[in-house]
Structures are given as C-alpha cells and as structure tokens.
Amino acid sequence: MHRPRAHGRHHRPRRRPTRSPHRGRRTAVVVVLAAAFLLTLLLAAFGSSPTPDRTATPASASRLLPPGRPLPQVVALHADLRIQLPIAQQAVTAIGYHAAGEDALPLEPVGRQANEGLLARLFHGLFGGGGDGLRYYQLPGGEGPSTGGLDVGAAVGTDVYAPVDGAVVSVRSYVLNGEQHGHRIEIQPSGSPSLVVVLTRLRADPALTVGSPVSAGRTKVGVVLDFSDVERQALAAYTQDAGNHVTLAVHPAATLGLR
C-alpha cells in the first residue's frame, strides 16, 4: 500500500560542505610565513659567531696606527670606580674579560657580551637588553673572578693612556714565565685610594715615574708590546692579528703592598 506524497516542497538530501581549495592554499601560505618568521628570529638569536661592534672596536691591527687620545668612554666599573678605555676607539681590535688571579677584584663590563650563551642571545634577540655600545668577549682560563682581567686589544706600538685619574705608585718589570716582558704600572685612583689599577703587557713611557699624576684618557703611560712569541693569546680568536693587548686589573691597595 502506497502512502500519498506530501504536498509542498520536496526535501533534498543535504550535501556535506567541502573545503575550498583556495582556503587550503591560504592556510598553507600562512603556515609557511609563520615558519619563516620564526626561523628568522632563531637565526638572529643563534647566528654564527658574533663579531666585534665595529662602531666601538673597528680597526684591523694591520692598518696604520691612528694618532690621538681616546674619547672619554667608560669600559668597566668596580663599585664607584669608573675605568675608561685606555686606547683610542679606532685602534681597538677587541675587548675581552678573563680571570686574573684570586686577588683581582671583579669588574662590571659596560656593553654587551658578544659570545654570550644561546639562551641569553635568544632572550636578548627577542626582547632586547643585554647592553649597548661596546661589545666584549668572555675569555677562558685563569683563576679568580671571571671578569678580574680586562684585555683591550690593539696593534703593537699603539699608545696606551691612563684609564683613571690618580697617581703612579709603582713602575717595575712585568714577569711572565720567569722572564721580563715590558712593565707593570700601578695607579692609585684619586677617588678610590684603597684600590690600585694595574696595567701590564706594555712598555712604560720614559717620562712616567713613581708619583707622576695621571689623567684618564689624557696621560700617555706606555705602548702595547708584542707577546705573540711569548704565548698564544686568547683574544686572537676575535681579532685579525695575534691578539696583542694591554691588560687592566683592579686590586686592593693593601694586597699589593704586601708583595
């Protein structure tokens, strides 16, 4: 027995919606663009070995030595003591920190570590921070605070200027591996008489004597010496030469007086 057909509209079976091929292509493009953006961020943060900031440390050591004094620029701090760059900015090849003995006081670098760890580089690459201006490298080796020694690289013969205002309290031979190599200059800062700033790996200026007053960035105290035949210098990994440099450290005055 047949049922009578209902009058009115005929009901057709509903079709399942199909995805537009254009929508699929748009989704794929968005995914590709997002992946490319993320890859760019990762490359910026994890990029291959960083190079020194050429604005602050631009020079190749093989070029002619530029004349003139360094512009006033603080490179490191220790409490209230401000240590200025002892070499003209255009002559600096690289800046590095390393351990320099248990009695060397830790310095606070001014600038940004160029060879910092991957996580720190990623964080600074995404969110900024980490310091501006001078770029420095953390160097291996030594004992004591990891920033106890400050190496400022420059070509052999580059003029070195006083890093602080004060007076010279000692000029004597610098001994390395039982042999004398240049001089060791000790300066007592005028604003921090309990401290002594020590410079090594340089030849002292003949006019410099014990008691001589010095002015930061204005008084020449010596010239950079060649240590390439004496040892393999860690700073060479970040320069275009043998890594010659002047080394600065800060010590308690009483500690040095016992030597």
C-alpha atoms as a PDB file:
ATOM      1  CA  MET A   1       0.000   0.000   0.000  1.00  0.00           C
ATOM      2  CA  HIS A   2       1.483   3.256  -1.095  1.00  0.00           C
ATOM      3  CA  ARG A   3       1.485   6.331   1.090  1.00  0.00           C
ATOM      4  CA  PRO A   4       0.332   9.521  -0.529  1.00  0.00           C
ATOM      5  CA  ARG A   5       3.000  12.046  -1.275  1.00  0.00           C
ATOM      6  CA  ALA A   6       3.031  15.135   0.884  1.00  0.00           C
ATOM      7  CA  HIS A   7       2.183  18.264  -0.974  1.00  0.00           C
ATOM      8  CA  GLY A   8       4.654  21.199  -0.814  1.00  0.00           C
ATOM      9  CA  ARG A   9       8.409  21.418  -1.242  1.00  0.00           C
ATOM     10  CA  HIS A  10      10.431  18.345  -1.950  1.00  0.00           C
ATOM     11  CA  HIS A  11      13.218  17.748   0.593  1.00  0.00           C
ATOM     12  CA  ARG A  12      16.552  17.007  -0.985  1.00  0.00           C
ATOM     13  CA  PRO A  13      19.357  15.289   0.979  1.00  0.00           C
ATOM     14  CA  ARG A  14      21.879  17.806   2.387  1.00  0.00           C
ATOM     15  CA  ARG A  15      25.325  17.792   0.951  1.00  0.00           C
ATOM     16  CA  ARG A  16      28.311  17.851   3.232  1.00  0.00           C
ATOM     17  CA  PRO A  17      30.274  21.128   2.971  1.00  0.00           C
ATOM     18  CA  THR A  18      33.507  20.803   1.073  1.00  0.00           C
ATOM     19  CA  ARG A  19      36.680  22.752   1.777  1.00  0.00           C
ATOM     20  CA  SER A  20      37.552  25.407  -0.705  1.00  0.00           C
ATOM     21  CA  PRO A  21      40.909  24.733  -2.367  1.00  0.00           C
ATOM     22  CA  HIS A  22      41.606  28.458  -2.105  1.00  0.00           C
ATOM     23  CA  ARG A  23      41.150  28.349   1.694  1.00  0.00           C
ATOM     24  CA  GLY A  24      43.578  25.437   1.950  1.00  0.00           C
ATOM     25  CA  ARG A  25      46.190  27.293  -0.057  1.00  0.00           C
ATOM     26  CA  ARG A  26      45.768  30.383   2.138  1.00  0.00           C
ATOM     27  CA  THR A  27      46.291  28.289   5.262  1.00  0.00           C
ATOM     28  CA  ALA A  28      49.440  26.761   3.800  1.00  0.00           C
ATOM     29  CA  VAL A  29      50.812  30.214   2.953  1.00  0.00           C
ATOM     30  CA  VAL A  30      50.159  31.468   6.494  1.00  0.00           C
ATOM     31  CA  VAL A  31      51.935  28.432   7.965  1.00  0.00           C
ATOM     32  CA  VAL A  32      54.940  28.928   5.667  1.00  0.00           C
ATOM     33  CA  LEU A  33      55.172  32.633   6.509  1.00  0.00           C
ATOM     34  CA  ALA A  34      54.944  31.929  10.248  1.00  0.00           C
ATOM     35  CA  ALA A  35      57.686  29.302   9.990  1.00  0.00           C
ATOM     36  CA  ALA A  36      59.906  31.684   8.027  1.00  0.00           C
ATOM     37  CA  PHE A  37      59.382  34.426  10.625  1.00  0.00           C
ATOM     38  CA  LEU A  38      60.257  32.049  13.465  1.00  0.00           C
ATOM     39  CA  LEU A  39      63.337  30.844  11.582  1.00  0.00           C
ATOM     40  CA  THR A  40      64.458  34.454  11.090  1.00  0.00           C
ATOM     41  CA  LEU A  41      64.155  35.119  14.829  1.00  0.00           C
ATOM     42  CA  LEU A  42      66.112  31.968  15.666  1.00  0.00           C
ATOM     43  CA  LEU A  43      68.860  32.823  13.182  1.00  0.00           C
ATOM     44  CA  ALA A  44      69.096  36.327  14.623  1.00  0.00           C
ATOM     45  CA  ALA A  45      69.453  34.921  18.138  1.00  0.00           C
ATOM     46  CA  PHE A  46      71.566  31.842  17.409  1.00  0.00           C
ATOM     47  CA  GLY A  47      73.526  33.257  14.484  1.00  0.00           C
ATOM     48  CA  SER A  48      77.072  32.178  13.854  1.00  0.00           C
ATOM     49  CA  SER A  49      79.981  33.611  15.777  1.00  0.00           C
ATOM     50  CA  PRO A  50      79.352  37.282  16.510  1.00  0.00           C
ATOM     51  CA  THR A  51      81.881  39.890  15.518  1.00  0.00           C
ATOM     52  CA  PRO A  52      83.022  42.898  17.490  1.00  0.00           C
ATOM     53  CA  ASP A  53      80.921  46.042  17.225  1.00  0.00           C
ATOM     54  CA  ARG A  54      82.731  47.979  14.518  1.00  0.00           C
ATOM     55  CA  THR A  55      81.328  51.243  15.839  1.00  0.00           C
ATOM     56  CA  ALA A  56      83.233  50.814  19.071  1.00  0.00           C
ATOM     57  CA  THR A  57      86.038  48.450  18.048  1.00  0.00           C
ATOM     58  CA  PRO A  58      86.512  48.868  14.289  1.00  0.00           C
ATOM     59  CA  ALA A  59      90.171  48.660  13.491  1.00  0.00           C
ATOM     60  CA  SER A  60      92.245  45.986  11.851  1.00  0.00           C
ATOM     61  CA  ALA A  61      95.559  45.710  13.626  1.00  0.00           C
ATOM     62  CA  SER A  62      97.430  45.788  10.333  1.00  0.00           C
ATOM     63  CA  ARG A  63      96.366  49.335   9.475  1.00  0.00           C
ATOM     64  CA  LEU A  64      98.455  52.395  10.246  1.00  0.00           C
ATOM     65  CA  LEU A  65      98.222  53.387  13.885  1.00  0.00           C
ATOM     66  CA  PRO A  66      95.855  56.340  14.266  1.00  0.00           C
ATOM     67  CA  PRO A  67      97.076  59.325  16.273  1.00  0.00           C
ATOM     68  CA  GLY A  68      95.254  60.959  19.131  1.00  0.00           C
ATOM     69  CA  ARG A  69      93.872  60.130  22.521  1.00  0.00           C
ATOM     70  CA  PRO A  70      90.782  58.013  23.214  1.00  0.00           C
ATOM     71  CA  LEU A  71      87.477  59.784  23.584  1.00  0.00           C
ATOM     72  CA  PRO A  72      86.131  59.612  27.149  1.00  0.00           C
ATOM     73  CA  GLN A  73      84.326  56.275  27.354  1.00  0.00           C
ATOM     74  CA  VAL A  74      83.800  54.073  30.401  1.00  0.00           C
ATOM     75  CA  VAL A  75      84.593  50.446  29.630  1.00  0.00           C
ATOM     76  CA  ALA A  76      84.249  48.858  33.094  1.00  0.00           C
ATOM     77  CA  LEU A  77      83.123  49.585  36.645  1.00  0.00           C
ATOM     78  CA  HIS A  78      84.053  48.456  40.118  1.00  0.00           C
ATOM     79  CA  ALA A  79      81.795  49.960  42.752  1.00  0.00           C
ATOM     80  CA  ASP A  80      82.295  53.735  42.326  1.00  0.00           C
ATOM     81  CA  LEU A  81      85.462  53.343  40.240  1.00  0.00           C
ATOM     82  CA  ARG A  82      84.952  54.104  36.556  1.00  0.00           C
ATOM     83  CA  ILE A  83      87.593  52.697  34.208  1.00  0.00           C
ATOM     84  CA  GLN A  84      87.899  54.495  30.889  1.00  0.00           C
ATOM     85  CA  LEU A  85      89.038  52.996  27.606  1.00  0.00           C
ATOM     86  CA  PRO A  86      92.854  53.349  27.592  1.00  0.00           C
ATOM     87  CA  ILE A  87      93.270  53.119  23.812  1.00  0.00           C
ATOM     88  CA  ALA A  88      91.799  55.258  21.030  1.00  0.00           C
ATOM     89  CA  GLN A  89      88.495  53.752  19.882  1.00  0.00           C
ATOM     90  CA  GLN A  90      89.557  53.454  16.250  1.00  0.00           C
ATOM     91  CA  ALA A  91      92.628  51.421  17.248  1.00  0.00           C
ATOM     92  CA  VAL A  92      90.854  48.821  19.406  1.00  0.00           C
ATOM     93  CA  THR A  93      90.696  45.354  17.842  1.00  0.00           C
ATOM     94  CA  ALA A  94      88.643  43.563  20.520  1.00  0.00           C
ATOM     95  CA  ILE A  95      87.835  43.653  24.224  1.00  0.00           C
ATOM     96  CA  GLY A  96      87.856  40.599  26.475  1.00  0.00           C
ATOM     97  CA  TYR A  97      87.429  39.661  30.135  1.00  0.00           C
ATOM     98  CA  HIS A  98      89.032  36.747  31.938  1.00  0.00           C
ATOM     99  CA  ALA A  99      90.078  35.533  35.373  1.00  0.00           C
ATOM    100  CA  ALA A 100      93.279  37.229  36.582  1.00  0.00           C
ATOM    101  CA  GLY A 101      94.007  35.700  39.974  1.00  0.00           C
ATOM    102  CA  GLU A 102      92.219  35.370  43.283  1.00  0.00           C
ATOM    103  CA  ASP A 103      93.233  38.858  44.455  1.00  0.00           C
ATOM    104  CA  ALA A 104      91.893  40.605  41.343  1.00  0.00           C
ATOM    105  CA  LEU A 105      88.572  42.286  42.042  1.00  0.00           C
ATOM    106  CA  PRO A 106      85.626  41.584  39.719  1.00  0.00           C
ATOM    107  CA  LEU A 107      84.874  44.241  37.132  1.00  0.00           C
ATOM    108  CA  GLU A 108      81.452  45.070  35.766  1.00  0.00           C
ATOM    109  CA  PRO A 109      81.677  45.241  31.966  1.00  0.00           C
ATOM    110  CA  VAL A 110      79.963  48.134  30.202  1.00  0.00           C
ATOM    111  CA  GLY A 111      78.414  46.956  26.961  1.00  0.00           C
ATOM    112  CA  ARG A 112      77.192  43.619  25.645  1.00  0.00           C
ATOM    113  CA  GLN A 113      78.826  40.211  25.669  1.00  0.00           C
ATOM    114  CA  ALA A 114      79.260  39.176  22.052  1.00  0.00           C
ATOM    115  CA  ASN A 115      79.768  35.468  22.796  1.00  0.00           C
ATOM    116  CA  GLU A 116      77.056  35.002  25.414  1.00  0.00           C
ATOM    117  CA  GLY A 117      75.170  31.701  25.694  1.00  0.00           C
ATOM    118  CA  LEU A 118      72.457  30.645  23.284  1.00  0.00           C
ATOM    119  CA  LEU A 119      69.584  31.126  25.715  1.00  0.00           C
ATOM    120  CA  ALA A 120      70.771  34.616  26.643  1.00  0.00           C
ATOM    121  CA  ARG A 121      71.207  35.529  22.979  1.00  0.00           C
ATOM    122  CA  LEU A 122      67.719  34.248  22.164  1.00  0.00           C
ATOM    123  CA  PHE A 123      66.206  36.215  25.037  1.00  0.00           C
ATOM    124  CA  HIS A 124      68.014  39.437  24.081  1.00  0.00           C
ATOM    125  CA  GLY A 125      67.239  38.878  20.398  1.00  0.00           C
ATOM    126  CA  LEU A 126      63.526  38.639  21.115  1.00  0.00           C
ATOM    127  CA  PHE A 127      63.125  41.093  23.973  1.00  0.00           C
ATOM    128  CA  GLY A 128      66.163  43.372  23.742  1.00  0.00           C
ATOM    129  CA  GLY A 129      68.506  44.301  26.560  1.00  0.00           C
ATOM    130  CA  GLY A 130      71.937  42.856  27.245  1.00  0.00           C
ATOM    131  CA  GLY A 131      73.758  46.176  26.994  1.00  0.00           C
ATOM    132  CA  ASP A 132      74.652  48.587  24.228  1.00  0.00           C
ATOM    133  CA  GLY A 133      77.766  50.250  22.864  1.00  0.00           C
ATOM    134  CA  LEU A 134      80.999  48.345  23.388  1.00  0.00           C
ATOM    135  CA  ARG A 135      80.931  44.623  22.726  1.00  0.00           C
ATOM    136  CA  TYR A 136      83.204  42.336  24.660  1.00  0.00           C
ATOM    137  CA  TYR A 137      84.100  38.657  24.854  1.00  0.00           C
ATOM    138  CA  GLN A 138      84.358  36.350  27.832  1.00  0.00           C
ATOM    139  CA  LEU A 139      87.713  34.585  27.570  1.00  0.00           C
ATOM    140  CA  PRO A 140      88.607  31.212  29.108  1.00  0.00           C
ATOM    141  CA  GLY A 141      91.304  30.321  31.609  1.00  0.00           C
ATOM    142  CA  GLY A 142      92.747  31.742  34.786  1.00  0.00           C
ATOM    143  CA  GLU A 143      91.671  31.694  38.418  1.00  0.00           C
ATOM    144  CA  GLY A 144      89.513  34.040  40.444  1.00  0.00           C
ATOM    145  CA  PRO A 145      86.606  36.219  39.278  1.00  0.00           C
ATOM    146  CA  SER A 146      85.803  35.668  35.612  1.00  0.00           C
ATOM    147  CA  THR A 147      85.942  39.432  34.955  1.00  0.00           C
ATOM    148  CA  GLY A 148      89.024  40.162  37.042  1.00  0.00           C
ATOM    149  CA  GLY A 149      91.179  40.920  33.989  1.00  0.00           C
ATOM    150  CA  LEU A 150      90.293  43.286  31.148  1.00  0.00           C
ATOM    151  CA  ASP A 151      92.134  42.927  27.830  1.00  0.00           C
ATOM    152  CA  VAL A 152      91.947  45.813  25.362  1.00  0.00           C
ATOM    153  CA  GLY A 153      93.367  44.666  22.040  1.00  0.00           C
ATOM    154  CA  ALA A 154      95.444  46.867  19.742  1.00  0.00           C
ATOM    155  CA  ALA A 155      98.361  46.623  17.350  1.00  0.00           C
ATOM    156  CA  VAL A 156     101.909  46.584  18.652  1.00  0.00           C
ATOM    157  CA  GLY A 157     103.122  50.111  19.333  1.00  0.00           C
ATOM    158  CA  THR A 158      99.671  51.593  19.961  1.00  0.00           C
ATOM    159  CA  ASP A 159      99.676  54.324  22.613  1.00  0.00           C
ATOM    160  CA  VAL A 160      98.136  53.418  25.967  1.00  0.00           C
ATOM    161  CA  TYR A 161      96.620  56.116  28.177  1.00  0.00           C
ATOM    162  CA  ALA A 162      95.733  56.173  31.856  1.00  0.00           C
ATOM    163  CA  PRO A 163      92.335  54.548  32.491  1.00  0.00           C
ATOM    164  CA  VAL A 164      91.691  56.579  35.676  1.00  0.00           C
ATOM    165  CA  ASP A 165      92.671  59.834  37.319  1.00  0.00           C
ATOM    166  CA  GLY A 166      95.273  59.332  40.017  1.00  0.00           C
ATOM    167  CA  ALA A 167      98.965  58.927  40.686  1.00  0.00           C
ATOM    168  CA  VAL A 168     101.538  56.312  39.715  1.00  0.00           C
ATOM    169  CA  VAL A 169     102.617  54.279  42.744  1.00  0.00           C
ATOM    170  CA  SER A 170     104.806  51.689  41.025  1.00  0.00           C
ATOM    171  CA  VAL A 171     106.616  51.057  37.752  1.00  0.00           C
ATOM    172  CA  ARG A 172     108.505  47.774  37.575  1.00  0.00           C
ATOM    173  CA  SER A 173     109.252  44.875  35.256  1.00  0.00           C
ATOM    174  CA  TYR A 174     106.444  42.542  34.268  1.00  0.00           C
ATOM    175  CA  VAL A 175     107.492  38.924  34.728  1.00  0.00           C
ATOM    176  CA  LEU A 176     105.816  36.131  32.764  1.00  0.00           C
ATOM    177  CA  ASN A 177     107.036  32.525  32.946  1.00  0.00           C
ATOM    178  CA  GLY A 178     110.150  33.670  34.778  1.00  0.00           C
ATOM    179  CA  GLU A 179     111.143  36.236  32.131  1.00  0.00           C
ATOM    180  CA  GLN A 180     110.767  40.001  31.996  1.00  0.00           C
ATOM    181  CA  HIS A 181     108.423  41.395  29.349  1.00  0.00           C
ATOM    182  CA  GLY A 182     107.815  45.110  29.469  1.00  0.00           C
ATOM    183  CA  HIS A 183     106.468  46.805  32.560  1.00  0.00           C
ATOM    184  CA  ARG A 184     103.811  46.619  35.232  1.00  0.00           C
ATOM    185  CA  ILE A 185     102.305  50.015  36.093  1.00  0.00           C
ATOM    186  CA  GLU A 186     100.225  50.589  39.214  1.00  0.00           C
ATOM    187  CA  ILE A 187      97.993  53.646  39.527  1.00  0.00           C
ATOM    188  CA  GLN A 188      96.177  54.698  42.682  1.00  0.00           C
ATOM    189  CA  PRO A 189      92.850  56.283  41.667  1.00  0.00           C
ATOM    190  CA  SER A 190      92.309  59.723  43.177  1.00  0.00           C
ATOM    191  CA  GLY A 191      88.745  58.888  44.207  1.00  0.00           C
ATOM    192  CA  SER A 192      89.457  55.341  45.458  1.00  0.00           C
ATOM    193  CA  PRO A 193      92.703  55.357  47.479  1.00  0.00           C
ATOM    194  CA  SER A 194      92.040  51.829  48.791  1.00  0.00           C
ATOM    195  CA  LEU A 195      92.349  50.430  45.263  1.00  0.00           C
ATOM    196  CA  VAL A 196      95.127  50.146  42.697  1.00  0.00           C
ATOM    197  CA  VAL A 197      94.636  49.822  38.925  1.00  0.00           C
ATOM    198  CA  VAL A 198      97.323  47.606  37.379  1.00  0.00           C
ATOM    199  CA  LEU A 199      98.363  47.720  33.715  1.00  0.00           C
ATOM    200  CA  THR A 200     100.572  45.050  32.141  1.00  0.00           C
ATOM    201  CA  ARG A 201     101.775  43.932  28.688  1.00  0.00           C
ATOM    202  CA  LEU A 202     103.061  47.356  27.751  1.00  0.00           C
ATOM    203  CA  ARG A 203     106.304  49.326  27.714  1.00  0.00           C
ATOM    204  CA  ALA A 204     106.098  52.238  30.121  1.00  0.00           C
ATOM    205  CA  ASP A 205     106.550  55.760  28.812  1.00  0.00           C
ATOM    206  CA  PRO A 206     110.039  57.034  29.752  1.00  0.00           C
ATOM    207  CA  ALA A 207     108.515  60.154  31.318  1.00  0.00           C
ATOM    208  CA  LEU A 208     106.438  58.069  33.740  1.00  0.00           C
ATOM    209  CA  THR A 209     107.859  57.841  37.270  1.00  0.00           C
ATOM    210  CA  VAL A 210     106.568  56.958  40.720  1.00  0.00           C
ATOM    211  CA  GLY A 211     104.482  59.867  41.972  1.00  0.00           C
ATOM    212  CA  SER A 212     103.569  61.101  38.490  1.00  0.00           C
ATOM    213  CA  PRO A 213      99.976  62.384  38.334  1.00  0.00           C
ATOM    214  CA  VAL A 214      97.891  60.903  35.520  1.00  0.00           C
ATOM    215  CA  SER A 215      94.610  61.928  33.928  1.00  0.00           C
ATOM    216  CA  ALA A 216      92.192  59.413  32.402  1.00  0.00           C
ATOM    217  CA  GLY A 217      92.425  59.360  28.621  1.00  0.00           C
ATOM    218  CA  ARG A 218      94.954  62.203  28.537  1.00  0.00           C
ATOM    219  CA  THR A 219      98.197  60.973  30.098  1.00  0.00           C
ATOM    220  CA  LYS A 220     100.147  58.525  27.972  1.00  0.00           C
ATOM    221  CA  VAL A 221     101.525  55.714  30.124  1.00  0.00           C
ATOM    222  CA  GLY A 222     103.095  53.422  27.505  1.00  0.00           C
ATOM    223  CA  VAL A 223     102.683  51.429  24.290  1.00  0.00           C
ATOM    224  CA  VAL A 224     101.386  47.928  23.527  1.00  0.00           C
ATOM    225  CA  LEU A 225     104.081  45.237  23.291  1.00  0.00           C
ATOM    226  CA  ASP A 226     104.258  42.141  21.084  1.00  0.00           C
ATOM    227  CA  PHE A 227     103.544  38.961  23.057  1.00  0.00           C
ATOM    228  CA  SER A 228     102.904  36.732  20.038  1.00  0.00           C
ATOM    229  CA  ASP A 229     106.227  34.916  20.559  1.00  0.00           C
ATOM    230  CA  VAL A 230     105.656  34.529  24.291  1.00  0.00           C
ATOM    231  CA  GLU A 231     102.253  32.830  24.416  1.00  0.00           C
ATOM    232  CA  ARG A 232      99.116  32.083  22.458  1.00  0.00           C
ATOM    233  CA  GLN A 233      96.766  34.945  23.311  1.00  0.00           C
ATOM    234  CA  ALA A 234      93.085  34.152  23.807  1.00  0.00           C
ATOM    235  CA  LEU A 235      91.984  37.478  22.351  1.00  0.00           C
ATOM    236  CA  ALA A 236      93.374  36.400  18.962  1.00  0.00           C
ATOM    237  CA  ALA A 237      90.245  34.298  18.425  1.00  0.00           C
ATOM    238  CA  TYR A 238      88.311  37.550  17.947  1.00  0.00           C
ATOM    239  CA  THR A 239      90.838  39.792  16.195  1.00  0.00           C
ATOM    240  CA  GLN A 240      92.571  39.910  12.839  1.00  0.00           C
ATOM    241  CA  ASP A 241      96.035  39.676  14.360  1.00  0.00           C
ATOM    242  CA  ALA A 242      97.922  37.826  17.107  1.00  0.00           C
ATOM    243  CA  GLY A 243      95.671  39.287  19.785  1.00  0.00           C
ATOM    244  CA  ASN A 244      98.174  41.680  21.360  1.00  0.00           C
ATOM    245  CA  HIS A 245      96.646  43.860  24.047  1.00  0.00           C
ATOM    246  CA  VAL A 246      97.077  45.761  27.275  1.00  0.00           C
ATOM    247  CA  THR A 247      95.644  44.119  30.398  1.00  0.00           C
ATOM    248  CA  LEU A 248      93.970  46.035  33.231  1.00  0.00           C
ATOM    249  CA  ALA A 249      93.049  44.737  36.677  1.00  0.00           C
ATOM    250  CA  VAL A 250      91.923  46.259  39.960  1.00  0.00           C
ATOM    251  CA  HIS A 251      93.415  45.102  43.268  1.00  0.00           C
ATOM    252  CA  PRO A 252      93.058  46.157  46.879  1.00  0.00           C
ATOM    253  CA  ALA A 253      95.956  48.513  47.679  1.00  0.00           C
ATOM    254  CA  ALA A 254      96.820  46.595  50.867  1.00  0.00           C
ATOM    255  CA  THR A 255      97.156  43.328  48.937  1.00  0.00           C
ATOM    256  CA  LEU A 256      99.682  44.793  46.518  1.00  0.00           C
ATOM    257  CA  GLY A 257     101.609  46.424  49.336  1.00  0.00           C
ATOM    258  CA  LEU A 258     102.425  43.005  50.792  1.00  0.00           C
ATOM    259  CA  ARG A 259     104.266  41.897  47.649  1.00  0.00           C
END
